[in-house]
Amino acid sequence: MELKIFRDALPAAGTNCTLKAELPLETEILISDYLPPVFKLVKCFVRPVVLQKRLQPGKLQLEGYLRCVVYYQGEDGAGLCQTEQKLPFTKLLDLPEFVFTAWAVQVEGQTEYLNCRTVNPRRIEVAGRMGWWYRCIRRSKPMSSRPFRMAG
């Protein structure tokens, strides 16, 4: 009887570095004419969207945008309204020196604080800070699958 056993190795991965960076946020959102003017702010959110990550020896470049969404109560009984703005960013981060072979990067962003205020019924001021955590992960090549025969 022949028994075939296949040995598959998973790629080994290990975190080489975990670092934190900050991205300040300061903008004004103008309310379009087709939307009702602001009576009262309800809630403000900022979500990071990373479109591209470039990993180079000693550097990591992030490109993307911050999606700022503001919910407000409109004047004259207009109910709950929403406006949003996309704020593009480019962030260049310094990495510790390491041998540059087969690396991947994980990036996570989170709002550290966010303040919104109404300047006038057609203008909202937003200020805050995003915190970025990034991990550089070393990858090694997986072993190939090959049959293993047992005697017997």
N, C-alpha and C. Protein backbone atom coordinates (compact mmCIF):
# COMPACT_ATOMS: atom_id res chain seq x y z
N MET A 1 0.85 -1.18 0.00
CA MET A 1 0.00 0.00 0.00
C MET A 1 0.89 1.24 0.00
N GLU A 2 0.52 2.16 -0.80
CA GLU A 2 1.30 3.40 -0.91
C GLU A 2 0.50 4.54 -0.31
N LEU A 3 1.11 5.24 0.59
CA LEU A 3 0.47 6.37 1.25
C LEU A 3 1.18 7.64 0.80
N LYS A 4 0.44 8.55 0.25
CA LYS A 4 1.05 9.82 -0.19
C LYS A 4 0.71 10.91 0.81
N ILE A 5 1.74 11.52 1.30
CA ILE A 5 1.58 12.64 2.23
C ILE A 5 2.22 13.85 1.58
N PHE A 6 1.49 14.92 1.50
CA PHE A 6 2.03 16.15 0.93
C PHE A 6 2.37 17.10 2.07
N ARG A 7 3.54 17.64 2.00
CA ARG A 7 3.96 18.61 3.01
C ARG A 7 3.86 20.00 2.39
N ASP A 8 3.01 20.79 2.93
CA ASP A 8 2.86 22.18 2.49
C ASP A 8 3.30 23.08 3.62
N ALA A 9 4.19 23.96 3.30
CA ALA A 9 4.67 24.91 4.31
C ALA A 9 3.99 26.25 4.08
N LEU A 10 3.52 26.83 5.12
CA LEU A 10 2.95 28.17 5.03
C LEU A 10 4.08 29.18 5.02
N PRO A 11 3.88 30.31 4.33
CA PRO A 11 4.94 31.32 4.36
C PRO A 11 5.15 31.83 5.78
N ALA A 12 6.38 31.89 6.18
CA ALA A 12 6.70 32.40 7.51
C ALA A 12 6.70 33.91 7.45
N ALA A 13 6.09 34.53 8.42
CA ALA A 13 6.06 35.99 8.46
C ALA A 13 6.37 36.44 9.87
N GLY A 14 7.09 37.50 9.96
CA GLY A 14 7.41 38.05 11.27
C GLY A 14 7.42 39.56 11.20
N THR A 15 6.91 40.20 12.22
CA THR A 15 6.90 41.65 12.24
C THR A 15 8.29 42.16 12.57
N ASN A 16 8.79 43.03 11.74
CA ASN A 16 10.10 43.60 11.99
C ASN A 16 9.99 44.92 12.75
N CYS A 17 8.95 45.70 12.43
CA CYS A 17 8.80 46.97 13.14
C CYS A 17 7.33 47.36 13.22
N THR A 18 6.95 48.01 14.29
CA THR A 18 5.62 48.58 14.46
C THR A 18 5.82 50.01 14.94
N LEU A 19 5.35 50.97 14.16
CA LEU A 19 5.58 52.37 14.47
C LEU A 19 4.28 53.16 14.38
N LYS A 20 4.30 54.37 14.92
CA LYS A 20 3.13 55.24 14.91
C LYS A 20 3.51 56.59 14.31
N ALA A 21 2.58 57.16 13.56
CA ALA A 21 2.76 58.50 12.99
C ALA A 21 1.45 59.26 13.15
N GLU A 22 1.50 60.57 12.98
CA GLU A 22 0.31 61.41 13.11
C GLU A 22 0.13 62.24 11.85
N LEU A 23 -1.13 62.53 11.55
CA LEU A 23 -1.47 63.37 10.41
C LEU A 23 -2.47 64.41 10.88
N PRO A 24 -2.08 65.70 10.90
CA PRO A 24 -3.03 66.73 11.34
C PRO A 24 -4.11 66.95 10.28
N LEU A 25 -5.27 67.40 10.73
CA LEU A 25 -6.40 67.65 9.86
C LEU A 25 -6.97 69.02 10.20
N GLU A 26 -7.06 69.88 9.21
CA GLU A 26 -7.65 71.19 9.40
C GLU A 26 -8.24 71.64 8.07
N THR A 27 -9.56 71.83 8.03
CA THR A 27 -10.20 72.20 6.77
C THR A 27 -11.51 72.94 7.05
N GLU A 28 -12.02 73.56 6.01
CA GLU A 28 -13.35 74.18 6.04
C GLU A 28 -14.21 73.49 4.99
N ILE A 29 -15.42 73.18 5.37
CA ILE A 29 -16.37 72.58 4.44
C ILE A 29 -17.41 73.63 4.12
N LEU A 30 -17.56 73.91 2.84
CA LEU A 30 -18.58 74.86 2.39
C LEU A 30 -19.82 74.08 1.98
N ILE A 31 -20.97 74.51 2.48
CA ILE A 31 -22.24 73.86 2.17
C ILE A 31 -22.73 74.37 0.82
N SER A 32 -23.03 73.44 -0.08
CA SER A 32 -23.50 73.80 -1.42
C SER A 32 -24.84 74.53 -1.35
N ASP A 33 -25.13 75.30 -2.40
CA ASP A 33 -26.38 76.07 -2.44
C ASP A 33 -27.61 75.18 -2.50
N TYR A 34 -27.48 73.98 -3.07
CA TYR A 34 -28.65 73.10 -3.18
C TYR A 34 -28.95 72.35 -1.87
N LEU A 35 -28.05 72.44 -0.88
CA LEU A 35 -28.30 71.86 0.44
C LEU A 35 -28.81 72.93 1.39
N PRO A 36 -29.65 72.55 2.37
CA PRO A 36 -30.11 73.55 3.33
C PRO A 36 -28.97 74.04 4.22
N PRO A 37 -29.04 75.28 4.68
CA PRO A 37 -28.01 75.80 5.58
C PRO A 37 -28.02 75.07 6.93
N VAL A 38 -26.91 75.18 7.64
CA VAL A 38 -26.74 74.48 8.92
C VAL A 38 -27.49 75.21 10.03
N PHE A 39 -28.31 74.46 10.77
CA PHE A 39 -28.93 74.99 11.97
C PHE A 39 -28.16 74.48 13.20
N LYS A 40 -27.85 73.17 13.20
CA LYS A 40 -27.16 72.56 14.34
C LYS A 40 -26.34 71.36 13.84
N LEU A 41 -25.07 71.26 14.31
CA LEU A 41 -24.24 70.10 13.97
C LEU A 41 -24.67 68.90 14.80
N VAL A 42 -24.71 67.73 14.16
CA VAL A 42 -25.09 66.50 14.86
C VAL A 42 -23.86 65.63 15.10
N LYS A 43 -23.12 65.30 14.05
CA LYS A 43 -21.96 64.41 14.20
C LYS A 43 -21.01 64.62 13.03
N CYS A 44 -19.72 64.39 13.31
CA CYS A 44 -18.68 64.53 12.30
C CYS A 44 -17.79 63.28 12.36
N PHE A 45 -17.49 62.70 11.20
CA PHE A 45 -16.64 61.52 11.11
C PHE A 45 -15.51 61.77 10.12
N VAL A 46 -14.38 61.13 10.35
CA VAL A 46 -13.28 61.12 9.37
C VAL A 46 -12.81 59.68 9.22
N ARG A 47 -12.78 59.20 7.98
CA ARG A 47 -12.30 57.85 7.68
C ARG A 47 -11.11 57.94 6.74
N PRO A 48 -10.01 57.28 7.07
CA PRO A 48 -8.86 57.29 6.16
C PRO A 48 -9.03 56.25 5.06
N VAL A 49 -8.62 56.60 3.85
CA VAL A 49 -8.61 55.68 2.72
C VAL A 49 -7.21 55.74 2.11
N VAL A 50 -6.46 54.64 2.23
CA VAL A 50 -5.11 54.57 1.67
C VAL A 50 -5.22 53.96 0.29
N LEU A 51 -4.83 54.73 -0.73
CA LEU A 51 -4.90 54.26 -2.10
C LEU A 51 -3.62 53.57 -2.54
N GLN A 52 -2.49 54.03 -2.02
CA GLN A 52 -1.22 53.48 -2.46
C GLN A 52 -0.20 53.51 -1.33
N LYS A 53 0.59 52.43 -1.25
CA LYS A 53 1.70 52.34 -0.29
C LYS A 53 2.95 52.03 -1.09
N ARG A 54 3.99 52.82 -0.90
CA ARG A 54 5.26 52.57 -1.57
C ARG A 54 6.32 52.31 -0.50
N LEU A 55 6.87 51.12 -0.51
CA LEU A 55 7.89 50.74 0.45
C LEU A 55 9.25 50.77 -0.23
N GLN A 56 10.15 51.57 0.31
CA GLN A 56 11.51 51.70 -0.19
C GLN A 56 12.44 51.56 1.01
N PRO A 57 13.72 51.28 0.78
CA PRO A 57 14.63 51.16 1.92
C PRO A 57 14.63 52.44 2.78
N GLY A 58 14.23 52.29 4.02
CA GLY A 58 14.23 53.42 4.96
C GLY A 58 13.05 54.36 4.84
N LYS A 59 12.13 54.15 3.88
CA LYS A 59 11.01 55.08 3.66
C LYS A 59 9.73 54.31 3.35
N LEU A 60 8.63 54.89 3.75
CA LEU A 60 7.30 54.40 3.38
C LEU A 60 6.48 55.61 2.98
N GLN A 61 5.94 55.60 1.77
CA GLN A 61 5.12 56.71 1.29
C GLN A 61 3.68 56.24 1.18
N LEU A 62 2.78 56.97 1.85
CA LEU A 62 1.35 56.68 1.80
C LEU A 62 0.65 57.76 1.00
N GLU A 63 -0.27 57.34 0.13
CA GLU A 63 -1.10 58.29 -0.62
C GLU A 63 -2.55 57.85 -0.47
N GLY A 64 -3.42 58.83 -0.32
CA GLY A 64 -4.83 58.53 -0.19
C GLY A 64 -5.62 59.78 0.13
N TYR A 65 -6.74 59.59 0.81
CA TYR A 65 -7.55 60.75 1.19
C TYR A 65 -8.26 60.46 2.51
N LEU A 66 -8.63 61.52 3.19
CA LEU A 66 -9.46 61.44 4.38
C LEU A 66 -10.87 61.80 3.96
N ARG A 67 -11.82 60.94 4.25
CA ARG A 67 -13.22 61.19 3.89
C ARG A 67 -13.90 61.77 5.12
N CYS A 68 -14.20 63.05 5.05
CA CYS A 68 -14.81 63.78 6.16
C CYS A 68 -16.32 63.90 5.90
N VAL A 69 -17.13 63.34 6.78
CA VAL A 69 -18.59 63.35 6.64
C VAL A 69 -19.17 64.10 7.83
N VAL A 70 -20.05 65.06 7.55
CA VAL A 70 -20.70 65.85 8.60
C VAL A 70 -22.21 65.69 8.47
N TYR A 71 -22.85 65.32 9.59
CA TYR A 71 -24.31 65.28 9.66
C TYR A 71 -24.77 66.51 10.43
N TYR A 72 -25.79 67.17 9.90
CA TYR A 72 -26.30 68.37 10.56
C TYR A 72 -27.80 68.47 10.38
N GLN A 73 -28.41 69.27 11.27
CA GLN A 73 -29.84 69.57 11.16
C GLN A 73 -29.97 70.84 10.33
N GLY A 74 -30.77 70.76 9.29
CA GLY A 74 -30.95 71.91 8.42
C GLY A 74 -31.92 72.92 9.00
N GLU A 75 -31.83 74.14 8.49
CA GLU A 75 -32.75 75.20 8.93
C GLU A 75 -34.15 74.96 8.39
N ASP A 76 -35.12 75.58 9.02
CA ASP A 76 -36.53 75.56 8.59
C ASP A 76 -37.08 74.14 8.46
N GLY A 77 -36.76 73.27 9.42
CA GLY A 77 -37.33 71.92 9.43
C GLY A 77 -36.85 71.04 8.30
N ALA A 78 -35.66 71.26 7.80
CA ALA A 78 -35.15 70.47 6.67
C ALA A 78 -34.77 69.05 7.08
N GLY A 79 -34.71 68.77 8.38
CA GLY A 79 -34.36 67.43 8.84
C GLY A 79 -32.86 67.19 8.85
N LEU A 80 -32.49 65.92 8.90
CA LEU A 80 -31.08 65.54 8.96
C LEU A 80 -30.46 65.63 7.57
N CYS A 81 -29.35 66.33 7.48
CA CYS A 81 -28.65 66.51 6.21
C CYS A 81 -27.22 66.00 6.34
N GLN A 82 -26.61 65.75 5.20
CA GLN A 82 -25.24 65.24 5.19
C GLN A 82 -24.43 65.96 4.12
N THR A 83 -23.18 66.25 4.45
CA THR A 83 -22.24 66.77 3.46
C THR A 83 -20.91 66.07 3.70
N GLU A 84 -20.11 65.96 2.67
CA GLU A 84 -18.82 65.30 2.84
C GLU A 84 -17.78 65.94 1.94
N GLN A 85 -16.54 65.73 2.33
CA GLN A 85 -15.42 66.27 1.56
C GLN A 85 -14.28 65.26 1.63
N LYS A 86 -13.58 65.08 0.51
CA LYS A 86 -12.41 64.21 0.47
C LYS A 86 -11.17 65.08 0.49
N LEU A 87 -10.30 64.81 1.45
CA LEU A 87 -9.08 65.60 1.62
C LEU A 87 -7.88 64.74 1.27
N PRO A 88 -7.24 64.98 0.12
CA PRO A 88 -6.10 64.15 -0.27
C PRO A 88 -4.89 64.38 0.64
N PHE A 89 -4.09 63.33 0.80
CA PHE A 89 -2.87 63.46 1.60
C PHE A 89 -1.77 62.59 1.00
N THR A 90 -0.55 63.00 1.27
CA THR A 90 0.65 62.22 0.99
C THR A 90 1.50 62.28 2.24
N LYS A 91 1.89 61.15 2.76
CA LYS A 91 2.67 61.10 4.00
C LYS A 91 3.92 60.25 3.75
N LEU A 92 5.08 60.83 4.06
CA LEU A 92 6.35 60.13 3.94
C LEU A 92 6.84 59.79 5.34
N LEU A 93 7.01 58.50 5.60
CA LEU A 93 7.39 58.03 6.93
C LEU A 93 8.78 57.40 6.88
N ASP A 94 9.56 57.64 7.91
CA ASP A 94 10.89 57.04 8.02
C ASP A 94 10.78 55.68 8.70
N LEU A 95 11.46 54.70 8.13
CA LEU A 95 11.50 53.36 8.69
C LEU A 95 12.89 53.07 9.23
N PRO A 96 12.99 52.18 10.19
CA PRO A 96 14.33 51.78 10.63
C PRO A 96 15.03 51.00 9.51
N GLU A 97 16.33 51.02 9.52
CA GLU A 97 17.09 50.31 8.49
C GLU A 97 17.00 48.80 8.71
N PHE A 98 16.71 48.08 7.62
CA PHE A 98 16.70 46.63 7.65
C PHE A 98 17.01 46.14 6.25
N VAL A 99 17.34 44.86 6.15
CA VAL A 99 17.64 44.29 4.84
C VAL A 99 16.36 44.27 4.03
N PHE A 100 16.38 44.83 2.83
CA PHE A 100 15.18 45.05 2.04
C PHE A 100 14.96 43.90 1.06
N THR A 101 14.32 42.83 1.52
CA THR A 101 13.94 41.71 0.66
C THR A 101 12.57 41.22 1.10
N ALA A 102 11.65 41.08 0.18
CA ALA A 102 10.32 40.50 0.42
C ALA A 102 9.64 41.04 1.68
N TRP A 103 9.21 42.28 1.62
CA TRP A 103 8.54 42.91 2.75
C TRP A 103 7.13 43.32 2.36
N ALA A 104 6.26 43.38 3.33
CA ALA A 104 4.91 43.89 3.15
C ALA A 104 4.64 44.88 4.27
N VAL A 105 3.67 45.76 4.05
CA VAL A 105 3.34 46.78 5.04
C VAL A 105 1.85 46.76 5.31
N GLN A 106 1.47 46.78 6.58
CA GLN A 106 0.08 46.94 6.99
C GLN A 106 -0.06 48.32 7.61
N VAL A 107 -1.09 49.06 7.16
CA VAL A 107 -1.30 50.42 7.66
C VAL A 107 -2.72 50.51 8.21
N GLU A 108 -2.86 51.07 9.41
CA GLU A 108 -4.17 51.30 10.02
C GLU A 108 -4.24 52.74 10.49
N GLY A 109 -5.37 53.37 10.26
CA GLY A 109 -5.56 54.75 10.70
C GLY A 109 -6.76 54.86 11.62
N GLN A 110 -6.68 55.79 12.56
CA GLN A 110 -7.77 56.00 13.51
C GLN A 110 -7.80 57.47 13.91
N THR A 111 -9.00 58.00 14.08
CA THR A 111 -9.16 59.38 14.51
C THR A 111 -8.77 59.49 15.98
N GLU A 112 -7.81 60.35 16.28
CA GLU A 112 -7.42 60.57 17.67
C GLU A 112 -8.33 61.60 18.32
N TYR A 113 -8.57 62.70 17.63
CA TYR A 113 -9.59 63.64 18.10
C TYR A 113 -10.10 64.42 16.89
N LEU A 114 -11.32 64.95 17.03
CA LEU A 114 -11.95 65.67 15.94
C LEU A 114 -12.90 66.72 16.51
N ASN A 115 -12.73 67.97 16.10
CA ASN A 115 -13.60 69.06 16.53
C ASN A 115 -14.26 69.68 15.30
N CYS A 116 -15.56 69.88 15.39
CA CYS A 116 -16.32 70.54 14.32
C CYS A 116 -17.06 71.73 14.92
N ARG A 117 -17.11 72.80 14.15
CA ARG A 117 -17.90 73.95 14.61
C ARG A 117 -18.45 74.68 13.39
N THR A 118 -19.58 75.32 13.60
CA THR A 118 -20.21 76.09 12.54
C THR A 118 -19.68 77.51 12.58
N VAL A 119 -19.09 77.95 11.47
CA VAL A 119 -18.60 79.33 11.35
C VAL A 119 -19.76 80.23 10.97
N ASN A 120 -20.53 79.82 9.97
CA ASN A 120 -21.78 80.47 9.60
C ASN A 120 -22.67 79.39 8.99
N PRO A 121 -23.92 79.68 8.63
CA PRO A 121 -24.82 78.62 8.14
C PRO A 121 -24.34 77.90 6.88
N ARG A 122 -23.34 78.41 6.19
CA ARG A 122 -22.84 77.77 4.97
C ARG A 122 -21.38 77.31 5.09
N ARG A 123 -20.81 77.37 6.28
CA ARG A 123 -19.40 77.01 6.45
C ARG A 123 -19.20 76.27 7.77
N ILE A 124 -18.51 75.11 7.68
CA ILE A 124 -18.18 74.30 8.85
C ILE A 124 -16.66 74.17 8.92
N GLU A 125 -16.12 74.36 10.10
CA GLU A 125 -14.68 74.22 10.31
C GLU A 125 -14.41 72.89 11.02
N VAL A 126 -13.46 72.12 10.48
CA VAL A 126 -13.11 70.81 11.04
C VAL A 126 -11.63 70.81 11.37
N ALA A 127 -11.28 70.37 12.58
CA ALA A 127 -9.87 70.26 12.99
C ALA A 127 -9.72 68.98 13.80
N GLY A 128 -8.59 68.30 13.61
CA GLY A 128 -8.36 67.07 14.35
C GLY A 128 -7.01 66.47 14.02
N ARG A 129 -6.87 65.21 14.41
CA ARG A 129 -5.60 64.52 14.15
C ARG A 129 -5.89 63.04 13.96
N MET A 130 -5.24 62.47 12.94
CA MET A 130 -5.31 61.04 12.66
C MET A 130 -4.06 60.37 13.19
N GLY A 131 -4.22 59.21 13.77
CA GLY A 131 -3.08 58.40 14.20
C GLY A 131 -2.91 57.24 13.24
N TRP A 132 -1.69 57.01 12.81
CA TRP A 132 -1.38 55.92 11.88
C TRP A 132 -0.48 54.92 12.57
N TRP A 133 -0.81 53.65 12.45
CA TRP A 133 0.05 52.58 12.92
C TRP A 133 0.44 51.78 11.70
N TYR A 134 1.72 51.54 11.56
CA TYR A 134 2.15 50.74 10.42
C TYR A 134 3.14 49.68 10.87
N ARG A 135 2.99 48.50 10.25
CA ARG A 135 3.83 47.35 10.56
C ARG A 135 4.52 46.89 9.29
N CYS A 136 5.81 46.69 9.38
CA CYS A 136 6.57 46.10 8.28
C CYS A 136 6.72 44.62 8.59
N ILE A 137 6.34 43.80 7.65
CA ILE A 137 6.33 42.36 7.88
C ILE A 137 7.27 41.69 6.89
N ARG A 138 8.18 40.90 7.43
CA ARG A 138 9.14 40.17 6.60
C ARG A 138 8.48 38.88 6.13
N ARG A 139 8.66 38.58 4.85
CA ARG A 139 8.11 37.35 4.30
C ARG A 139 9.25 36.47 3.80
N SER A 140 9.12 35.19 4.02
CA SER A 140 10.10 34.27 3.45
C SER A 140 9.38 33.36 2.46
N LYS A 141 10.13 32.75 1.57
CA LYS A 141 9.53 31.91 0.52
C LYS A 141 8.98 30.63 1.14
N PRO A 142 7.79 30.21 0.69
CA PRO A 142 7.25 28.95 1.20
C PRO A 142 8.00 27.77 0.57
N MET A 143 8.02 26.66 1.30
CA MET A 143 8.59 25.44 0.73
C MET A 143 7.62 24.91 -0.30
N SER A 144 8.13 24.28 -1.33
CA SER A 144 7.26 23.76 -2.38
C SER A 144 6.59 22.47 -1.91
N SER A 145 5.43 22.19 -2.49
CA SER A 145 4.72 20.96 -2.17
C SER A 145 5.35 19.82 -2.96
N ARG A 146 5.61 18.73 -2.30
CA ARG A 146 6.17 17.56 -2.98
C ARG A 146 5.66 16.31 -2.28
N PRO A 147 5.45 15.25 -3.03
CA PRO A 147 4.95 14.03 -2.40
C PRO A 147 6.01 13.38 -1.52
N PHE A 148 5.56 12.76 -0.46
CA PHE A 148 6.43 12.06 0.47
C PHE A 148 5.94 10.62 0.54
N ARG A 149 6.82 9.67 0.28
CA ARG A 149 6.41 8.26 0.26
C ARG A 149 6.89 7.56 1.52
N MET A 150 5.99 6.81 2.07
CA MET A 150 6.35 6.01 3.25
C MET A 150 6.61 4.57 2.81
N ALA A 151 7.60 3.99 3.39
CA ALA A 151 7.90 2.59 3.08
C ALA A 151 6.98 1.68 3.89
N GLY A 152 6.59 0.58 3.31
CA GLY A 152 5.85 -0.33 4.14
C GLY A 152 4.75 -0.92 3.47
